[in-house]
PDB file of N, CA and C in Angstrom:
ATOM      1  N   MET A   1      23.234 -19.794 -17.117  1.00  0.00           N
ATOM      2  CA  MET A   1      22.090 -18.918 -17.204  1.00  0.00           C
ATOM      3  C   MET A   1      22.439 -17.588 -16.527  1.00  0.00           C
ATOM      4  N   VAL A   2      22.174 -16.516 -17.204  1.00  0.00           N
ATOM      5  CA  VAL A   2      22.461 -15.187 -16.683  1.00  0.00           C
ATOM      6  C   VAL A   2      21.172 -14.616 -16.094  1.00  0.00           C
ATOM      7  N   ARG A   3      21.289 -14.167 -14.844  1.00  0.00           N
ATOM      8  CA  ARG A   3      20.125 -13.545 -14.196  1.00  0.00           C
ATOM      9  C   ARG A   3      19.978 -12.110 -14.661  1.00  0.00           C
ATOM     10  N   PRO A   4      18.750 -11.695 -14.973  1.00  0.00           N
ATOM     11  CA  PRO A   4      18.567 -10.285 -15.332  1.00  0.00           C
ATOM     12  C   PRO A   4      18.802  -9.408 -14.103  1.00  0.00           C
ATOM     13  N   PRO A   5      19.275  -8.192 -14.304  1.00  0.00           N
ATOM     14  CA  PRO A   5      19.517  -7.304 -13.163  1.00  0.00           C
ATOM     15  C   PRO A   5      18.213  -6.997 -12.433  1.00  0.00           C
ATOM     16  N   LEU A   6      18.335  -6.806 -11.131  1.00  0.00           N
ATOM     17  CA  LEU A   6      17.170  -6.467 -10.317  1.00  0.00           C
ATOM     18  C   LEU A   6      16.762  -5.022 -10.581  1.00  0.00           C
ATOM     19  N   PRO A   7      15.468  -4.749 -10.515  1.00  0.00           N
ATOM     20  CA  PRO A   7      15.008  -3.363 -10.679  1.00  0.00           C
ATOM     21  C   PRO A   7      15.553  -2.482  -9.554  1.00  0.00           C
ATOM     22  N   GLU A   8      15.677  -1.214  -9.828  1.00  0.00           N
ATOM     23  CA  GLU A   8      16.214  -0.266  -8.848  1.00  0.00           C
ATOM     24  C   GLU A   8      15.406  -0.260  -7.563  1.00  0.00           C
ATOM     25  N   GLU A   9      14.085  -0.381  -7.652  1.00  0.00           N
ATOM     26  CA  GLU A   9      13.280  -0.363  -6.424  1.00  0.00           C
ATOM     27  C   GLU A   9      13.594  -1.557  -5.517  1.00  0.00           C
ATOM     28  N   VAL A  10      13.949  -2.692  -6.098  1.00  0.00           N
ATOM     29  CA  VAL A  10      14.324  -3.870  -5.306  1.00  0.00           C
ATOM     30  C   VAL A  10      15.691  -3.636  -4.657  1.00  0.00           C
ATOM     31  N   ARG A  11      16.621  -3.092  -5.412  1.00  0.00           N
ATOM     32  CA  ARG A  11      17.950  -2.788  -4.846  1.00  0.00           C
ATOM     33  C   ARG A  11      17.838  -1.736  -3.743  1.00  0.00           C
ATOM     34  N   ALA A  12      16.967  -0.743  -3.933  1.00  0.00           N
ATOM     35  CA  ALA A  12      16.772   0.294  -2.914  1.00  0.00           C
ATOM     36  C   ALA A  12      16.178  -0.306  -1.644  1.00  0.00           C
ATOM     37  N   ARG A  13      15.231  -1.233  -1.789  1.00  0.00           N
ATOM     38  CA  ARG A  13      14.648  -1.901  -0.631  1.00  0.00           C
ATOM     39  C   ARG A  13      15.725  -2.690   0.125  1.00  0.00           C
ATOM     40  N   GLY A  14      16.622  -3.332  -0.609  1.00  0.00           N
ATOM     41  CA  GLY A  14      17.723  -4.059   0.017  1.00  0.00           C
ATOM     42  C   GLY A  14      18.662  -3.129   0.775  1.00  0.00           C
ATOM     43  N   ARG A  15      18.907  -1.942   0.219  1.00  0.00           N
ATOM     44  CA  ARG A  15      19.745  -0.957   0.930  1.00  0.00           C
ATOM     45  C   ARG A  15      19.062  -0.483   2.206  1.00  0.00           C
ATOM     46  N   ARG A  16      17.738  -0.254   2.143  1.00  0.00           N
ATOM     47  CA  ARG A  16      16.997   0.157   3.348  1.00  0.00           C
ATOM     48  C   ARG A  16      17.055  -0.927   4.419  1.00  0.00           C
ATOM     49  N   LEU A  17      16.936  -2.187   4.017  1.00  0.00           N
ATOM     50  CA  LEU A  17      17.040  -3.292   4.972  1.00  0.00           C
ATOM     51  C   LEU A  17      18.416  -3.306   5.613  1.00  0.00           C
ATOM     52  N   GLY A  18      19.459  -3.150   4.811  1.00  0.00           N
ATOM     53  CA  GLY A  18      20.818  -3.127   5.342  1.00  0.00           C
ATOM     54  C   GLY A  18      21.038  -2.002   6.334  1.00  0.00           C
ATOM     55  N   GLU A  19      20.521  -0.831   6.009  1.00  0.00           N
ATOM     56  CA  GLU A  19      20.642   0.327   6.911  1.00  0.00           C
ATOM     57  C   GLU A  19      19.937   0.053   8.244  1.00  0.00           C
ATOM     58  N   LEU A  20      18.743  -0.528   8.164  1.00  0.00           N
ATOM     59  CA  LEU A  20      17.984  -0.829   9.376  1.00  0.00           C
ATOM     60  C   LEU A  20      18.722  -1.841  10.252  1.00  0.00           C
ATOM     61  N   LEU A  21      19.228  -2.901   9.647  1.00  0.00           N
ATOM     62  CA  LEU A  21      19.938  -3.927  10.414  1.00  0.00           C
ATOM     63  C   LEU A  21      21.205  -3.360  11.043  1.00  0.00           C
ATOM     64  N   ARG A  22      21.922  -2.558  10.293  1.00  0.00           N
ATOM     65  CA  ARG A  22      23.157  -1.948  10.803  1.00  0.00           C
ATOM     66  C   ARG A  22      22.843  -1.046  11.992  1.00  0.00           C
ATOM     67  N   ALA A  23      21.788  -0.250  11.875  1.00  0.00           N
ATOM     68  CA  ALA A  23      21.401   0.646  12.968  1.00  0.00           C
ATOM     69  C   ALA A  23      20.941  -0.149  14.183  1.00  0.00           C
ATOM     70  N   ALA A  24      20.178  -1.216  13.952  1.00  0.00           N
ATOM     71  CA  ALA A  24      19.690  -2.041  15.065  1.00  0.00           C
ATOM     72  C   ALA A  24      20.826  -2.781  15.755  1.00  0.00           C
ATOM     73  N   ARG A  25      21.855  -3.103  15.002  1.00  0.00           N
ATOM     74  CA  ARG A  25      23.011  -3.806  15.579  1.00  0.00           C
ATOM     75  C   ARG A  25      23.739  -2.918  16.563  1.00  0.00           C
ATOM     76  N   GLY A  26      23.773  -1.611  16.294  1.00  0.00           N
ATOM     77  CA  GLY A  26      24.406  -0.655  17.204  1.00  0.00           C
ATOM     78  C   GLY A  26      25.851  -0.996  17.500  1.00  0.00           C
ATOM     79  N   GLU A  27      26.166  -1.139  18.779  1.00  0.00           N
ATOM     80  CA  GLU A  27      27.540  -1.412  19.213  1.00  0.00           C
ATOM     81  C   GLU A  27      27.914  -2.886  19.129  1.00  0.00           C
ATOM     82  N   ARG A  28      26.920  -3.729  18.892  1.00  0.00           N
ATOM     83  CA  ARG A  28      27.206  -5.165  18.800  1.00  0.00           C
ATOM     84  C   ARG A  28      27.969  -5.460  17.523  1.00  0.00           C
ATOM     85  N   THR A  29      28.826  -6.456  17.560  1.00  0.00           N
ATOM     86  CA  THR A  29      29.645  -6.785  16.398  1.00  0.00           C
ATOM     87  C   THR A  29      28.918  -7.739  15.459  1.00  0.00           C
ATOM     88  N   VAL A  30      29.377  -7.791  14.237  1.00  0.00           N
ATOM     89  CA  VAL A  30      28.825  -8.731  13.259  1.00  0.00           C
ATOM     90  C   VAL A  30      28.969 -10.166  13.772  1.00  0.00           C
ATOM     91  N   PRO A  31      30.151 -10.575  14.296  1.00  0.00           N
ATOM     92  CA  PRO A  31      30.253 -11.946  14.810  1.00  0.00           C
ATOM     93  C   PRO A  31      29.273 -12.240  15.954  1.00  0.00           C
ATOM     94  N   GLN A  32      28.991 -11.259  16.796  1.00  0.00           N
ATOM     95  CA  GLN A  32      28.023 -11.474  17.884  1.00  0.00           C
ATOM     96  C   GLN A  32      26.634 -11.763  17.328  1.00  0.00           C
ATOM     97  N   ILE A  33      26.193 -10.964  16.374  1.00  0.00           N
ATOM     98  CA  ILE A  33      24.868 -11.145  15.789  1.00  0.00           C
ATOM     99  C   ILE A  33      24.838 -12.418  14.949  1.00  0.00           C
ATOM    100  N   SER A  34      25.929 -12.726  14.295  1.00  0.00           N
ATOM    101  CA  SER A  34      26.022 -13.961  13.521  1.00  0.00           C
ATOM    102  C   SER A  34      25.843 -15.176  14.426  1.00  0.00           C
ATOM    103  N   ALA A  35      26.530 -15.183  15.546  1.00  0.00           N
ATOM    104  CA  ALA A  35      26.422 -16.304  16.486  1.00  0.00           C
ATOM    105  C   ALA A  35      25.018 -16.405  17.062  1.00  0.00           C
ATOM    106  N   ARG A  36      24.425 -15.279  17.348  1.00  0.00           N
ATOM    107  CA  ARG A  36      23.086 -15.256  17.966  1.00  0.00           C
ATOM    108  C   ARG A  36      21.999 -15.666  16.973  1.00  0.00           C
ATOM    109  N   SER A  37      22.194 -15.332  15.693  1.00  0.00           N
ATOM    110  CA  SER A  37      21.158 -15.589  14.685  1.00  0.00           C
ATOM    111  C   SER A  37      21.371 -16.876  13.902  1.00  0.00           C
ATOM    112  N   GLY A  38      22.606 -17.344  13.844  1.00  0.00           N
ATOM    113  CA  GLY A  38      22.909 -18.499  13.004  1.00  0.00           C
ATOM    114  C   GLY A  38      23.160 -18.124  11.551  1.00  0.00           C
ATOM    115  N   VAL A  39      23.144 -16.843  11.255  1.00  0.00           N
ATOM    116  CA  VAL A  39      23.412 -16.353   9.897  1.00  0.00           C
ATOM    117  C   VAL A  39      24.913 -16.101   9.785  1.00  0.00           C
ATOM    118  N   PRO A  40      25.563 -16.651   8.758  1.00  0.00           N
ATOM    119  CA  PRO A  40      27.006 -16.425   8.624  1.00  0.00           C
ATOM    120  C   PRO A  40      27.368 -14.937   8.627  1.00  0.00           C
ATOM    121  N   ALA A  41      28.492 -14.617   9.256  1.00  0.00           N
ATOM    122  CA  ALA A  41      28.933 -13.222   9.366  1.00  0.00           C
ATOM    123  C   ALA A  41      29.064 -12.565   7.995  1.00  0.00           C
ATOM    124  N   GLU A  42      29.600 -13.288   7.026  1.00  0.00           N
ATOM    125  CA  GLU A  42      29.775 -12.703   5.693  1.00  0.00           C
ATOM    126  C   GLU A  42      28.431 -12.398   5.046  1.00  0.00           C
ATOM    127  N   THR A  43      27.446 -13.230   5.289  1.00  0.00           N
ATOM    128  CA  THR A  43      26.099 -12.964   4.769  1.00  0.00           C
ATOM    129  C   THR A  43      25.529 -11.706   5.403  1.00  0.00           C
ATOM    130  N   LEU A  44      25.676 -11.570   6.723  1.00  0.00           N
ATOM    131  CA  LEU A  44      25.196 -10.369   7.399  1.00  0.00           C
ATOM    132  C   LEU A  44      25.904  -9.131   6.857  1.00  0.00           C
ATOM    133  N   ARG A  45      27.201  -9.210   6.662  1.00  0.00           N
ATOM    134  CA  ARG A  45      27.944  -8.063   6.109  1.00  0.00           C
ATOM    135  C   ARG A  45      27.398  -7.676   4.738  1.00  0.00           C
ATOM    136  N   LYS A  46      27.144  -8.682   3.904  1.00  0.00           N
ATOM    137  CA  LYS A  46      26.641  -8.407   2.553  1.00  0.00           C
ATOM    138  C   LYS A  46      25.241  -7.805   2.584  1.00  0.00           C
ATOM    139  N   ILE A  47      24.392  -8.291   3.483  1.00  0.00           N
ATOM    140  CA  ILE A  47      23.039  -7.726   3.599  1.00  0.00           C
ATOM    141  C   ILE A  47      23.130  -6.279   4.069  1.00  0.00           C
ATOM    142  N   GLU A  48      23.955  -6.029   5.095  1.00  0.00           N
ATOM    143  CA  GLU A  48      24.103  -4.657   5.602  1.00  0.00           C
ATOM    144  C   GLU A  48      24.637  -3.708   4.538  1.00  0.00           C
ATOM    145  N   ALA A  49      25.484  -4.222   3.655  1.00  0.00           N
ATOM    146  CA  ALA A  49      26.063  -3.391   2.600  1.00  0.00           C
ATOM    147  C   ALA A  49      25.147  -3.260   1.386  1.00  0.00           C
ATOM    148  N   GLY A  50      24.028  -3.986   1.390  1.00  0.00           N
ATOM    149  CA  GLY A  50      23.113  -3.936   0.252  1.00  0.00           C
ATOM    150  C   GLY A  50      23.524  -4.827  -0.894  1.00  0.00           C
ATOM    151  N   ARG A  51      24.517  -5.692  -0.679  1.00  0.00           N
ATOM    152  CA  ARG A  51      24.986  -6.580  -1.755  1.00  0.00           C
ATOM    153  C   ARG A  51      24.121  -7.832  -1.881  1.00  0.00           C
ATOM    154  N   ILE A  52      23.265  -8.096  -0.887  1.00  0.00           N
ATOM    155  CA  ILE A  52      22.244  -9.143  -0.994  1.00  0.00           C
ATOM    156  C   ILE A  52      20.910  -8.423  -0.793  1.00  0.00           C
ATOM    157  N   PRO A  53      20.353  -7.897  -1.881  1.00  0.00           N
ATOM    158  CA  PRO A  53      19.139  -7.086  -1.738  1.00  0.00           C
ATOM    159  C   PRO A  53      17.879  -7.901  -1.475  1.00  0.00           C
ATOM    160  N   THR A  54      17.918  -9.213  -1.723  1.00  0.00           N
ATOM    161  CA  THR A  54      16.729 -10.040  -1.518  1.00  0.00           C
ATOM    162  C   THR A  54      17.091 -11.278  -0.690  1.00  0.00           C
ATOM    163  N   PRO A  55      17.448 -11.081   0.585  1.00  0.00           N
ATOM    164  CA  PRO A  55      17.778 -12.242   1.416  1.00  0.00           C
ATOM    165  C   PRO A  55      16.540 -13.103   1.660  1.00  0.00           C
ATOM    166  N   ALA A  56      16.779 -14.351   1.977  1.00  0.00           N
ATOM    167  CA  ALA A  56      15.674 -15.270   2.251  1.00  0.00           C
ATOM    168  C   ALA A  56      14.874 -14.788   3.463  1.00  0.00           C
ATOM    169  N   PHE A  57      13.582 -15.072   3.439  1.00  0.00           N
ATOM    170  CA  PHE A  57      12.684 -14.653   4.519  1.00  0.00           C
ATOM    171  C   PHE A  57      13.202 -15.119   5.875  1.00  0.00           C
ATOM    172  N   PHE A  58      13.582 -16.387   5.981  1.00  0.00           N
ATOM    173  CA  PHE A  58      14.002 -16.913   7.273  1.00  0.00           C
ATOM    174  C   PHE A  58      15.329 -16.325   7.736  1.00  0.00           C
ATOM    175  N   THR A  59      16.134 -15.842   6.814  1.00  0.00           N
ATOM    176  CA  THR A  59      17.358 -15.126   7.180  1.00  0.00           C
ATOM    177  C   THR A  59      16.983 -13.798   7.838  1.00  0.00           C
ATOM    178  N   VAL A  60      16.047 -13.102   7.236  1.00  0.00           N
ATOM    179  CA  VAL A  60      15.586 -11.819   7.798  1.00  0.00           C
ATOM    180  C   VAL A  60      14.955 -12.044   9.170  1.00  0.00           C
ATOM    181  N   VAL A  61      14.150 -13.101   9.299  1.00  0.00           N
ATOM    182  CA  VAL A  61      13.505 -13.405  10.585  1.00  0.00           C
ATOM    183  C   VAL A  61      14.571 -13.689  11.643  1.00  0.00           C
ATOM    184  N   ALA A  62      15.569 -14.498  11.315  1.00  0.00           N
ATOM    185  CA  ALA A  62      16.619 -14.835  12.281  1.00  0.00           C
ATOM    186  C   ALA A  62      17.375 -13.585  12.716  1.00  0.00           C
ATOM    187  N   LEU A  63      17.684 -12.710  11.779  1.00  0.00           N
ATOM    188  CA  LEU A  63      18.398 -11.481  12.124  1.00  0.00           C
ATOM    189  C   LEU A  63      17.522 -10.556  12.964  1.00  0.00           C
ATOM    190  N   ALA A  64      16.257 -10.429  12.598  1.00  0.00           N
ATOM    191  CA  ALA A  64      15.353  -9.567  13.367  1.00  0.00           C
ATOM    192  C   ALA A  64      15.241 -10.071  14.807  1.00  0.00           C
ATOM    193  N   GLN A  65      15.118 -11.378  14.990  1.00  0.00           N
ATOM    194  CA  GLN A  65      15.036 -11.938  16.340  1.00  0.00           C
ATOM    195  C   GLN A  65      16.317 -11.687  17.116  1.00  0.00           C
ATOM    196  N   ALA A  66      17.460 -11.878  16.462  1.00  0.00           N
ATOM    197  CA  ALA A  66      18.749 -11.672  17.135  1.00  0.00           C
ATOM    198  C   ALA A  66      18.949 -10.219  17.531  1.00  0.00           C
ATOM    199  N   LEU A  67      18.334  -9.309  16.781  1.00  0.00           N
ATOM    200  CA  LEU A  67      18.476  -7.882  17.042  1.00  0.00           C
ATOM    201  C   LEU A  67      17.315  -7.316  17.860  1.00  0.00           C
ATOM    202  N   ASP A  68      16.401  -8.187  18.302  1.00  0.00           N
ATOM    203  CA  ASP A  68      15.199  -7.742  19.029  1.00  0.00           C
ATOM    204  C   ASP A  68      14.447  -6.681  18.235  1.00  0.00           C
ATOM    205  N   LEU A  69      14.320  -6.932  16.952  1.00  0.00           N
ATOM    206  CA  LEU A  69      13.706  -5.999  16.018  1.00  0.00           C
ATOM    207  C   LEU A  69      12.379  -6.593  15.548  1.00  0.00           C
ATOM    208  N   PRO A  70      11.253  -5.970  15.858  1.00  0.00           N
ATOM    209  CA  PRO A  70       9.961  -6.511  15.415  1.00  0.00           C
ATOM    210  C   PRO A  70       9.889  -6.576  13.883  1.00  0.00           C
ATOM    211  N   LEU A  71       9.350  -7.670  13.365  1.00  0.00           N
ATOM    212  CA  LEU A  71       9.232  -7.814  11.914  1.00  0.00           C
ATOM    213  C   LEU A  71       8.396  -6.708  11.294  1.00  0.00           C
ATOM    214  N   VAL A  72       7.390  -6.238  12.018  1.00  0.00           N
ATOM    215  CA  VAL A  72       6.569  -5.161  11.473  1.00  0.00           C
ATOM    216  C   VAL A  72       7.419  -3.914  11.227  1.00  0.00           C
ATOM    217  N   GLU A  73       8.410  -3.684  12.074  1.00  0.00           N
ATOM    218  CA  GLU A  73       9.312  -2.542  11.873  1.00  0.00           C
ATOM    219  C   GLU A  73      10.169  -2.744  10.619  1.00  0.00           C
ATOM    220  N   VAL A  74      10.592  -3.979  10.402  1.00  0.00           N
ATOM    221  CA  VAL A  74      11.369  -4.286   9.190  1.00  0.00           C
ATOM    222  C   VAL A  74      10.518  -4.004   7.959  1.00  0.00           C
ATOM    223  N   VAL A  75       9.291  -4.478   7.974  1.00  0.00           N
ATOM    224  CA  VAL A  75       8.389  -4.272   6.832  1.00  0.00           C
ATOM    225  C   VAL A  75       8.141  -2.782   6.602  1.00  0.00           C
ATOM    226  N   GLU A  76       7.827  -2.061   7.674  1.00  0.00           N
ATOM    227  CA  GLU A  76       7.546  -0.627   7.535  1.00  0.00           C
ATOM    228  C   GLU A  76       8.747   0.141   7.005  1.00  0.00           C
ATOM    229  N   HIS A  77       9.941  -0.224   7.466  1.00  0.00           N
ATOM    230  CA  HIS A  77      11.143   0.482   7.048  1.00  0.00           C
ATOM    231  C   HIS A  77      11.503   0.181   5.590  1.00  0.00           C
ATOM    232  N   CYS A  78      11.227  -1.038   5.165  1.00  0.00           N
ATOM    233  CA  CYS A  78      11.643  -1.454   3.824  1.00  0.00           C
ATOM    234  C   CYS A  78      10.606  -1.198   2.746  1.00  0.00           C
ATOM    235  N   THR A  79       9.385  -0.886   3.139  1.00  0.00           N
ATOM    236  CA  THR A  79       8.326  -0.618   2.177  1.00  0.00           C
ATOM    237  C   THR A  79       8.325   0.863   1.833  1.00  0.00           C
ATOM    238  N   PRO A  80       8.450   1.179   0.547  1.00  0.00           N
ATOM    239  CA  PRO A  80       8.411   2.599   0.187  1.00  0.00           C
ATOM    240  C   PRO A  80       7.020   3.161   0.406  1.00  0.00           C
ATOM    241  N   PRO A  81       6.934   4.444   0.715  1.00  0.00           N
ATOM    242  CA  PRO A  81       5.611   5.047   0.884  1.00  0.00           C
ATOM    243  C   PRO A  81       4.830   5.004  -0.422  1.00  0.00           C
ATOM    244  N   THR A  82       3.548   4.748  -0.322  1.00  0.00           N
ATOM    245  CA  THR A  82       2.716   4.743  -1.523  1.00  0.00           C
ATOM    246  C   THR A  82       2.250   6.155  -1.809  1.00  0.00           C
ATOM    247  N   PRO A  83       2.333   6.551  -3.058  1.00  0.00           N
ATOM    248  CA  PRO A  83       1.899   7.906  -3.408  1.00  0.00           C
ATOM    249  C   PRO A  83       0.385   8.049  -3.210  1.00  0.00           C
ATOM    250  N   ALA A  84      -0.025   9.212  -2.781  1.00  0.00           N
ATOM    251  CA  ALA A  84      -1.454   9.492  -2.598  1.00  0.00           C
ATOM    252  C   ALA A  84      -2.121   9.548  -3.963  1.00  0.00           C
ATOM    253  N   VAL A  85      -3.304   8.990  -4.009  1.00  0.00           N
ATOM    254  CA  VAL A  85      -4.080   9.001  -5.259  1.00  0.00           C
ATOM    255  C   VAL A  85      -5.207  10.008  -5.078  1.00  0.00           C
ATOM    256  N   GLU A  86      -5.342  10.901  -6.048  1.00  0.00           N
ATOM    257  CA  GLU A  86      -6.386  11.921  -5.963  1.00  0.00           C
ATOM    258  C   GLU A  86      -7.768  11.292  -5.971  1.00  0.00           C
ATOM    259  N   GLY A  87      -8.632  11.818  -5.126  1.00  0.00           N
ATOM    260  CA  GLY A  87     -10.006  11.358  -5.079  1.00  0.00           C
ATOM    261  C   GLY A  87     -10.218  10.137  -4.187  1.00  0.00           C
ATOM    262  N   VAL A  88      -9.129   9.608  -3.617  1.00  0.00           N
ATOM    263  CA  VAL A  88      -9.252   8.432  -2.742  1.00  0.00           C
ATOM    264  C   VAL A  88      -8.978   8.896  -1.325  1.00  0.00           C
ATOM    265  N   ALA A  89      -9.893   8.621  -0.428  1.00  0.00           N
ATOM    266  CA  ALA A  89      -9.734   9.049   0.957  1.00  0.00           C
ATOM    267  C   ALA A  89      -9.142   7.957   1.810  1.00  0.00           C
TER     268      ALA A  89
END
């Protein structure tokens, strides 16, 4: 079975997640965060590179906890801004 390609907005959200995790990791190494989170190092590398644009929820939670990153910050960073609608306050 061939999976249909993901929409660009989903891939873009995955890239934003990767950027956020990479920035939150700072000077810490991938193996350090992998050991702390229980997420395999190769999986973390792929998420940071945007090659896994839709990681499992519990993977994101484990990484956020290991990075001391509030989940609300992850959501805010990965959610695109909604365009303003005229006439709606």
